[in-house]
Amino acid sequence: MERLARLQPGFLGVETARGADGVGITVSYWASVADARAWKRVARHVEVQRRGRAEWYDAYRVRIATVEREYGHERAESAAREPMTEAAPIRPEH
């Protein structure tokens, strides 16, 4: 799905994390609410969502949120060992 999402207008990026137990989170970033809604209606995405509910997931939760800013810290030696996931670009505040 990520490859397909990357082709959609307004796609900014995606981050995924999974625990050893298989439980995880995937966050996708979109330029606008309209772009995110359009992605939700892409036929292949709709088909995979249906399969997910029928075959893979007992439960899931969707949250829609706005990122106001992002910041962090990364020690130089740890950056060489374990690079952080590339985050979606965030537009500068005006």
C-alpha atoms as a PDB file:
ATOM      1  CA  MET A   1       0.000   0.000   0.000  1.00  0.00           C
ATOM      2  CA  GLU A   2       2.855   2.389   0.692  1.00  0.00           C
ATOM      3  CA  ARG A   3       3.960   2.303  -2.959  1.00  0.00           C
ATOM      4  CA  LEU A   4       0.424   3.144  -4.052  1.00  0.00           C
ATOM      5  CA  ALA A   5       0.074   5.857  -1.403  1.00  0.00           C
ATOM      6  CA  ARG A   6       3.294   7.501  -2.614  1.00  0.00           C
ATOM      7  CA  LEU A   7       1.660   7.985  -6.025  1.00  0.00           C
ATOM      8  CA  GLN A   8      -1.309   9.873  -4.587  1.00  0.00           C
ATOM      9  CA  PRO A   9      -1.547  13.675  -4.608  1.00  0.00           C
ATOM     10  CA  GLY A  10      -0.648  15.199  -1.256  1.00  0.00           C
ATOM     11  CA  PHE A  11       1.222  12.184   0.142  1.00  0.00           C
ATOM     12  CA  LEU A  12       4.040  13.393   2.414  1.00  0.00           C
ATOM     13  CA  GLY A  13       5.372  10.221   4.049  1.00  0.00           C
ATOM     14  CA  VAL A  14       4.751   7.199   6.251  1.00  0.00           C
ATOM     15  CA  GLU A  15       6.208   5.782   9.480  1.00  0.00           C
ATOM     16  CA  THR A  16       5.688   2.252  10.808  1.00  0.00           C
ATOM     17  CA  ALA A  17       6.732   0.507  14.027  1.00  0.00           C
ATOM     18  CA  ARG A  18       6.024  -3.087  15.119  1.00  0.00           C
ATOM     19  CA  GLY A  19       6.737  -4.881  18.368  1.00  0.00           C
ATOM     20  CA  ALA A  20       8.005  -8.453  18.650  1.00  0.00           C
ATOM     21  CA  ASP A  21       4.379  -9.471  19.304  1.00  0.00           C
ATOM     22  CA  GLY A  22       3.335  -8.083  15.913  1.00  0.00           C
ATOM     23  CA  VAL A  23       1.350  -5.204  17.383  1.00  0.00           C
ATOM     24  CA  GLY A  24       2.198  -1.982  15.620  1.00  0.00           C
ATOM     25  CA  ILE A  25       1.306   1.419  14.341  1.00  0.00           C
ATOM     26  CA  THR A  26       1.468   2.992  10.908  1.00  0.00           C
ATOM     27  CA  VAL A  27       1.162   6.741  10.484  1.00  0.00           C
ATOM     28  CA  SER A  28       0.694   8.350   7.081  1.00  0.00           C
ATOM     29  CA  TYR A  29       1.116  12.064   6.476  1.00  0.00           C
ATOM     30  CA  TRP A  30      -0.903  14.069   3.955  1.00  0.00           C
ATOM     31  CA  ALA A  31      -0.742  17.681   2.808  1.00  0.00           C
ATOM     32  CA  SER A  32      -4.436  18.233   3.523  1.00  0.00           C
ATOM     33  CA  VAL A  33      -7.511  16.575   4.965  1.00  0.00           C
ATOM     34  CA  ALA A  34      -8.908  16.425   1.418  1.00  0.00           C
ATOM     35  CA  ASP A  35      -5.822  14.466   0.257  1.00  0.00           C
ATOM     36  CA  ALA A  36      -6.213  11.994   3.137  1.00  0.00           C
ATOM     37  CA  ARG A  37      -9.912  11.548   2.339  1.00  0.00           C
ATOM     38  CA  ALA A  38      -9.106  10.956  -1.337  1.00  0.00           C
ATOM     39  CA  TRP A  39      -6.631   8.223  -0.327  1.00  0.00           C
ATOM     40  CA  LYS A  40      -9.344   6.552   1.746  1.00  0.00           C
ATOM     41  CA  ARG A  41     -11.462   6.277  -1.439  1.00  0.00           C
ATOM     42  CA  VAL A  42      -8.772   4.786  -3.747  1.00  0.00           C
ATOM     43  CA  ALA A  43     -10.263   1.483  -4.974  1.00  0.00           C
ATOM     44  CA  ARG A  44      -7.223  -0.707  -4.213  1.00  0.00           C
ATOM     45  CA  HIS A  45      -6.933   0.815  -0.727  1.00  0.00           C
ATOM     46  CA  VAL A  46     -10.645   0.158  -0.094  1.00  0.00           C
ATOM     47  CA  GLU A  47     -10.144  -3.477  -1.173  1.00  0.00           C
ATOM     48  CA  VAL A  48      -7.168  -3.969   1.165  1.00  0.00           C
ATOM     49  CA  GLN A  49      -9.071  -2.365   4.054  1.00  0.00           C
ATOM     50  CA  ARG A  50     -11.918  -4.827   3.488  1.00  0.00           C
ATOM     51  CA  ARG A  51      -9.494  -7.773   3.442  1.00  0.00           C
ATOM     52  CA  GLY A  52      -7.806  -6.492   6.577  1.00  0.00           C
ATOM     53  CA  ARG A  53     -11.095  -6.412   8.480  1.00  0.00           C
ATOM     54  CA  ALA A  54     -12.098  -9.841   7.173  1.00  0.00           C
ATOM     55  CA  GLU A  55      -8.778 -11.706   7.431  1.00  0.00           C
ATOM     56  CA  TRP A  56      -6.105  -9.997   9.529  1.00  0.00           C
ATOM     57  CA  TYR A  57      -7.417  -7.653  12.199  1.00  0.00           C
ATOM     58  CA  ASP A  58      -9.604  -8.454  15.183  1.00  0.00           C
ATOM     59  CA  ALA A  59      -9.717  -4.721  15.885  1.00  0.00           C
ATOM     60  CA  TYR A  60      -8.058  -1.511  14.774  1.00  0.00           C
ATOM     61  CA  ARG A  61      -8.334   2.212  15.436  1.00  0.00           C
ATOM     62  CA  VAL A  62      -7.883   5.193  13.106  1.00  0.00           C
ATOM     63  CA  ARG A  63      -6.923   8.625  14.413  1.00  0.00           C
ATOM     64  CA  ILE A  64      -6.922  11.773  12.321  1.00  0.00           C
ATOM     65  CA  ALA A  65      -4.601  14.444  13.673  1.00  0.00           C
ATOM     66  CA  THR A  66      -2.653  17.535  12.635  1.00  0.00           C
ATOM     67  CA  VAL A  67       1.074  17.805  13.282  1.00  0.00           C
ATOM     68  CA  GLU A  68       1.826  21.336  14.439  1.00  0.00           C
ATOM     69  CA  ARG A  69       5.588  20.869  14.785  1.00  0.00           C
ATOM     70  CA  GLU A  70       8.242  18.208  15.161  1.00  0.00           C
ATOM     71  CA  TYR A  71      11.507  18.231  17.039  1.00  0.00           C
ATOM     72  CA  GLY A  72      13.957  15.773  18.486  1.00  0.00           C
ATOM     73  CA  HIS A  73      17.535  14.946  19.391  1.00  0.00           C
ATOM     74  CA  GLU A  74      19.891  12.329  18.070  1.00  0.00           C
ATOM     75  CA  ARG A  75      23.344  11.620  19.515  1.00  0.00           C
ATOM     76  CA  ALA A  76      25.974  11.399  16.732  1.00  0.00           C
ATOM     77  CA  GLU A  77      27.222   7.938  17.760  1.00  0.00           C
ATOM     78  CA  SER A  78      23.713   6.498  17.996  1.00  0.00           C
ATOM     79  CA  ALA A  79      22.830   7.983  14.613  1.00  0.00           C
ATOM     80  CA  ALA A  80      25.604   5.916  13.051  1.00  0.00           C
ATOM     81  CA  ARG A  81      24.260   2.714  14.685  1.00  0.00           C
ATOM     82  CA  GLU A  82      20.497   3.140  14.428  1.00  0.00           C
ATOM     83  CA  PRO A  83      19.218   5.806  12.030  1.00  0.00           C
ATOM     84  CA  MET A  84      15.861   7.304  12.942  1.00  0.00           C
ATOM     85  CA  THR A  85      12.942   6.646  10.633  1.00  0.00           C
ATOM     86  CA  GLU A  86      12.668   9.356   8.042  1.00  0.00           C
ATOM     87  CA  ALA A  87       9.713  11.478   9.017  1.00  0.00           C
ATOM     88  CA  ALA A  88       7.402  13.281   6.675  1.00  0.00           C
ATOM     89  CA  PRO A  89       8.441  16.835   5.880  1.00  0.00           C
ATOM     90  CA  ILE A  90       6.619  19.381   7.991  1.00  0.00           C
ATOM     91  CA  ARG A  91       5.857  22.802   6.593  1.00  0.00           C
ATOM     92  CA  PRO A  92       7.477  25.659   8.553  1.00  0.00           C
ATOM     93  CA  GLU A  93       5.253  27.716  10.818  1.00  0.00           C
ATOM     94  CA  HIS A  94       4.189  31.108   9.441  1.00  0.00           C
END
